[in-house]
Amino acid sequence: MTNAMTDPVLIAKIGQTIWGASWQAPMAAALKQPLRTVEEWSTGRLPVPLETWKDLREAARQQYLKLADLDAEIVRAFDDAYQRAMAGKR
């Protein structure tokens, strides 16, 4: 048996991971929902609708893809810096 996160905990974790500490307003904007609705999801006063989970999954997927694109750029920058450092030691 798994210890699944409750909806309010998961909503907060997704929000903080994607949008940072002040996540509720950006999440509301991204999902085209009133801020109050997101606040109520995060407290458990309202259940998170089925369609919202799909939308949040897509938002998380988009963030993942952006980070994956950045990874290649970070590797390139590291390689360039390494080459400069090695050239300076000659």
N, C-alpha and C. Protein backbone atom coordinates (compact mmCIF):
# COMPACT_ATOMS: atom_id res chain seq x y z
N MET A 1 0.84 -1.18 0.00
CA MET A 1 0.00 0.00 0.00
C MET A 1 0.89 1.25 0.00
N THR A 2 0.56 2.22 -0.85
CA THR A 2 1.37 3.43 -0.94
C THR A 2 0.80 4.52 -0.06
N ASN A 3 1.65 5.43 0.34
CA ASN A 3 1.23 6.59 1.10
C ASN A 3 1.08 7.77 0.15
N ALA A 4 -0.03 7.80 -0.58
CA ALA A 4 -0.27 8.86 -1.56
C ALA A 4 -0.50 10.18 -0.84
N MET A 5 -0.05 11.24 -1.47
CA MET A 5 -0.28 12.58 -0.92
C MET A 5 -1.75 12.93 -1.03
N THR A 6 -2.24 13.69 -0.09
CA THR A 6 -3.60 14.19 -0.20
C THR A 6 -3.64 15.25 -1.30
N ASP A 7 -4.83 15.50 -1.83
CA ASP A 7 -4.95 16.50 -2.89
C ASP A 7 -4.38 17.86 -2.49
N PRO A 8 -4.71 18.39 -1.30
CA PRO A 8 -4.15 19.70 -0.93
C PRO A 8 -2.63 19.70 -0.87
N VAL A 9 -2.04 18.62 -0.37
CA VAL A 9 -0.58 18.54 -0.30
C VAL A 9 0.01 18.46 -1.70
N LEU A 10 -0.60 17.67 -2.56
CA LEU A 10 -0.10 17.52 -3.93
C LEU A 10 -0.25 18.82 -4.72
N ILE A 11 -1.39 19.49 -4.58
CA ILE A 11 -1.59 20.78 -5.26
C ILE A 11 -0.51 21.77 -4.83
N ALA A 12 -0.24 21.84 -3.54
CA ALA A 12 0.78 22.77 -3.04
C ALA A 12 2.16 22.38 -3.57
N LYS A 13 2.47 21.10 -3.58
CA LYS A 13 3.78 20.65 -4.06
C LYS A 13 3.95 20.99 -5.54
N ILE A 14 2.94 20.72 -6.34
CA ILE A 14 3.00 21.06 -7.76
C ILE A 14 3.17 22.57 -7.92
N GLY A 15 2.34 23.31 -7.20
CA GLY A 15 2.40 24.77 -7.31
C GLY A 15 3.75 25.33 -6.94
N GLN A 16 4.30 24.89 -5.82
CA GLN A 16 5.60 25.39 -5.37
C GLN A 16 6.71 24.98 -6.31
N THR A 17 6.62 23.79 -6.87
CA THR A 17 7.66 23.31 -7.78
C THR A 17 7.66 24.10 -9.09
N ILE A 18 6.49 24.36 -9.63
CA ILE A 18 6.40 25.04 -10.92
C ILE A 18 6.50 26.55 -10.77
N TRP A 19 5.78 27.13 -9.80
CA TRP A 19 5.65 28.59 -9.72
C TRP A 19 6.34 29.22 -8.51
N GLY A 20 6.93 28.43 -7.64
CA GLY A 20 7.65 29.00 -6.51
C GLY A 20 6.77 29.23 -5.29
N ALA A 21 7.32 29.95 -4.32
CA ALA A 21 6.67 30.14 -3.03
C ALA A 21 5.30 30.81 -3.12
N SER A 22 5.15 31.75 -4.01
CA SER A 22 3.85 32.45 -4.19
C SER A 22 3.14 31.84 -5.39
N TRP A 23 2.77 30.59 -5.27
CA TRP A 23 2.30 29.79 -6.40
C TRP A 23 0.82 29.90 -6.71
N GLN A 24 0.00 30.28 -5.76
CA GLN A 24 -1.45 30.18 -5.97
C GLN A 24 -1.97 31.09 -7.09
N ALA A 25 -1.53 32.33 -7.13
CA ALA A 25 -2.01 33.25 -8.18
C ALA A 25 -1.53 32.80 -9.57
N PRO A 26 -0.23 32.44 -9.73
CA PRO A 26 0.18 31.95 -11.04
C PRO A 26 -0.54 30.67 -11.47
N MET A 27 -0.80 29.78 -10.51
CA MET A 27 -1.54 28.57 -10.84
C MET A 27 -2.95 28.92 -11.29
N ALA A 28 -3.58 29.82 -10.57
CA ALA A 28 -4.94 30.24 -10.93
C ALA A 28 -4.96 30.81 -12.35
N ALA A 29 -3.98 31.64 -12.65
CA ALA A 29 -3.91 32.24 -13.99
C ALA A 29 -3.69 31.17 -15.05
N ALA A 30 -2.76 30.24 -14.79
CA ALA A 30 -2.46 29.19 -15.76
C ALA A 30 -3.66 28.29 -16.02
N LEU A 31 -4.45 28.05 -14.98
CA LEU A 31 -5.61 27.17 -15.11
C LEU A 31 -6.89 27.92 -15.44
N LYS A 32 -6.78 29.26 -15.53
CA LYS A 32 -7.95 30.11 -15.80
C LYS A 32 -9.05 29.87 -14.77
N GLN A 33 -8.61 29.90 -13.51
CA GLN A 33 -9.51 29.70 -12.37
C GLN A 33 -9.39 30.90 -11.44
N PRO A 34 -10.45 31.20 -10.70
CA PRO A 34 -10.33 32.27 -9.70
C PRO A 34 -9.31 31.86 -8.62
N LEU A 35 -8.60 32.85 -8.12
CA LEU A 35 -7.63 32.59 -7.05
C LEU A 35 -8.30 31.89 -5.89
N ARG A 36 -9.48 32.30 -5.55
CA ARG A 36 -10.22 31.70 -4.41
C ARG A 36 -10.39 30.19 -4.60
N THR A 37 -10.64 29.76 -5.83
CA THR A 37 -10.81 28.33 -6.11
C THR A 37 -9.52 27.58 -5.81
N VAL A 38 -8.39 28.11 -6.27
CA VAL A 38 -7.10 27.46 -6.01
C VAL A 38 -6.83 27.43 -4.50
N GLU A 39 -7.14 28.52 -3.82
CA GLU A 39 -6.98 28.54 -2.36
C GLU A 39 -7.82 27.46 -1.70
N GLU A 40 -9.03 27.27 -2.18
CA GLU A 40 -9.90 26.25 -1.59
C GLU A 40 -9.44 24.84 -1.91
N TRP A 41 -8.84 24.64 -3.09
CA TRP A 41 -8.23 23.33 -3.38
C TRP A 41 -7.09 23.07 -2.41
N SER A 42 -6.29 24.12 -2.16
CA SER A 42 -5.09 23.93 -1.33
C SER A 42 -5.43 23.69 0.14
N THR A 43 -6.61 24.06 0.55
CA THR A 43 -7.02 23.79 1.93
C THR A 43 -7.89 22.54 2.05
N GLY A 44 -8.30 22.00 0.91
CA GLY A 44 -9.17 20.83 0.93
C GLY A 44 -10.65 21.17 1.04
N ARG A 45 -10.98 22.46 1.04
CA ARG A 45 -12.40 22.83 1.13
C ARG A 45 -13.16 22.46 -0.13
N LEU A 46 -12.46 22.47 -1.27
CA LEU A 46 -13.05 22.04 -2.54
C LEU A 46 -12.22 20.91 -3.11
N PRO A 47 -12.87 19.91 -3.72
CA PRO A 47 -12.09 18.87 -4.39
C PRO A 47 -11.51 19.42 -5.70
N VAL A 48 -10.38 18.88 -6.09
CA VAL A 48 -9.77 19.28 -7.36
C VAL A 48 -10.48 18.51 -8.47
N PRO A 49 -11.04 19.23 -9.45
CA PRO A 49 -11.77 18.55 -10.53
C PRO A 49 -10.86 17.68 -11.40
N LEU A 50 -11.44 16.67 -11.97
CA LEU A 50 -10.72 15.74 -12.84
C LEU A 50 -9.95 16.47 -13.93
N GLU A 51 -10.59 17.38 -14.64
CA GLU A 51 -9.95 18.09 -15.75
C GLU A 51 -8.74 18.92 -15.27
N THR A 52 -8.81 19.40 -14.04
CA THR A 52 -7.71 20.20 -13.49
C THR A 52 -6.45 19.36 -13.33
N TRP A 53 -6.60 18.11 -12.95
CA TRP A 53 -5.43 17.24 -12.83
C TRP A 53 -4.76 17.07 -14.19
N LYS A 54 -5.57 16.94 -15.24
CA LYS A 54 -4.99 16.85 -16.59
C LYS A 54 -4.24 18.12 -16.93
N ASP A 55 -4.82 19.28 -16.61
CA ASP A 55 -4.19 20.56 -16.90
C ASP A 55 -2.89 20.72 -16.11
N LEU A 56 -2.89 20.29 -14.86
CA LEU A 56 -1.68 20.38 -14.04
C LEU A 56 -0.60 19.43 -14.56
N ARG A 57 -1.00 18.29 -15.02
CA ARG A 57 -0.02 17.36 -15.59
C ARG A 57 0.63 17.97 -16.83
N GLU A 58 -0.17 18.64 -17.64
CA GLU A 58 0.38 19.29 -18.83
C GLU A 58 1.32 20.43 -18.44
N ALA A 59 0.95 21.20 -17.42
CA ALA A 59 1.82 22.29 -16.95
C ALA A 59 3.15 21.72 -16.45
N ALA A 60 3.10 20.62 -15.72
CA ALA A 60 4.32 19.98 -15.22
C ALA A 60 5.15 19.45 -16.38
N ARG A 61 4.50 18.86 -17.36
CA ARG A 61 5.21 18.34 -18.53
C ARG A 61 5.91 19.46 -19.30
N GLN A 62 5.23 20.59 -19.45
CA GLN A 62 5.83 21.73 -20.14
C GLN A 62 7.07 22.24 -19.38
N GLN A 63 6.99 22.29 -18.06
CA GLN A 63 8.15 22.70 -17.26
C GLN A 63 9.30 21.72 -17.44
N TYR A 64 8.98 20.45 -17.45
CA TYR A 64 10.00 19.42 -17.64
C TYR A 64 10.71 19.62 -18.98
N LEU A 65 9.93 19.88 -20.03
CA LEU A 65 10.52 20.08 -21.36
C LEU A 65 11.40 21.33 -21.39
N LYS A 66 10.98 22.39 -20.73
CA LYS A 66 11.80 23.60 -20.67
C LYS A 66 13.13 23.32 -19.96
N LEU A 67 13.05 22.56 -18.86
CA LEU A 67 14.27 22.21 -18.13
C LEU A 67 15.17 21.29 -18.95
N ALA A 68 14.57 20.38 -19.69
CA ALA A 68 15.36 19.48 -20.54
C ALA A 68 16.10 20.28 -21.60
N ASP A 69 15.45 21.29 -22.17
CA ASP A 69 16.11 22.16 -23.14
C ASP A 69 17.27 22.91 -22.50
N LEU A 70 17.07 23.38 -21.28
CA LEU A 70 18.13 24.10 -20.58
C LEU A 70 19.32 23.19 -20.26
N ASP A 71 19.06 21.92 -20.02
CA ASP A 71 20.14 21.00 -19.68
C ASP A 71 21.19 20.98 -20.78
N ALA A 72 20.77 20.91 -22.02
CA ALA A 72 21.73 20.90 -23.13
C ALA A 72 22.54 22.19 -23.16
N GLU A 73 21.89 23.32 -22.86
CA GLU A 73 22.60 24.60 -22.83
C GLU A 73 23.59 24.67 -21.67
N ILE A 74 23.23 24.10 -20.55
CA ILE A 74 24.13 24.07 -19.39
C ILE A 74 25.36 23.21 -19.71
N VAL A 75 25.14 22.07 -20.33
CA VAL A 75 26.25 21.20 -20.71
C VAL A 75 27.17 21.94 -21.69
N ARG A 76 26.60 22.64 -22.67
CA ARG A 76 27.39 23.40 -23.63
C ARG A 76 28.22 24.47 -22.92
N ALA A 77 27.58 25.20 -22.00
CA ALA A 77 28.29 26.25 -21.26
C ALA A 77 29.41 25.66 -20.41
N PHE A 78 29.16 24.52 -19.79
CA PHE A 78 30.19 23.86 -19.01
C PHE A 78 31.36 23.46 -19.90
N ASP A 79 31.05 22.85 -21.04
CA ASP A 79 32.11 22.43 -21.97
C ASP A 79 32.94 23.63 -22.44
N ASP A 80 32.27 24.73 -22.76
CA ASP A 80 32.99 25.95 -23.17
C ASP A 80 33.89 26.45 -22.04
N ALA A 81 33.36 26.49 -20.83
CA ALA A 81 34.14 26.97 -19.68
C ALA A 81 35.33 26.04 -19.42
N TYR A 82 35.10 24.75 -19.56
CA TYR A 82 36.18 23.78 -19.37
C TYR A 82 37.28 23.99 -20.39
N GLN A 83 36.89 24.18 -21.64
CA GLN A 83 37.88 24.40 -22.69
C GLN A 83 38.69 25.68 -22.42
N ARG A 84 38.02 26.73 -21.98
CA ARG A 84 38.74 27.97 -21.65
C ARG A 84 39.69 27.75 -20.49
N ALA A 85 39.24 27.02 -19.47
CA ALA A 85 40.09 26.76 -18.31
C ALA A 85 41.31 25.93 -18.69
N MET A 86 41.11 24.94 -19.53
CA MET A 86 42.23 24.09 -19.95
C MET A 86 43.19 24.88 -20.84
N ALA A 87 42.67 25.75 -21.68
CA ALA A 87 43.53 26.57 -22.56
C ALA A 87 44.37 27.51 -21.72
N GLY A 88 43.83 27.99 -20.60
CA GLY A 88 44.57 28.89 -19.72
C GLY A 88 45.68 28.21 -18.95
N LYS A 89 45.64 26.89 -18.85
CA LYS A 89 46.65 26.14 -18.09
C LYS A 89 47.82 25.72 -18.96
N ARG A 90 47.76 26.01 -20.22
CA ARG A 90 48.85 25.58 -21.12
C ARG A 90 50.00 26.52 -21.07
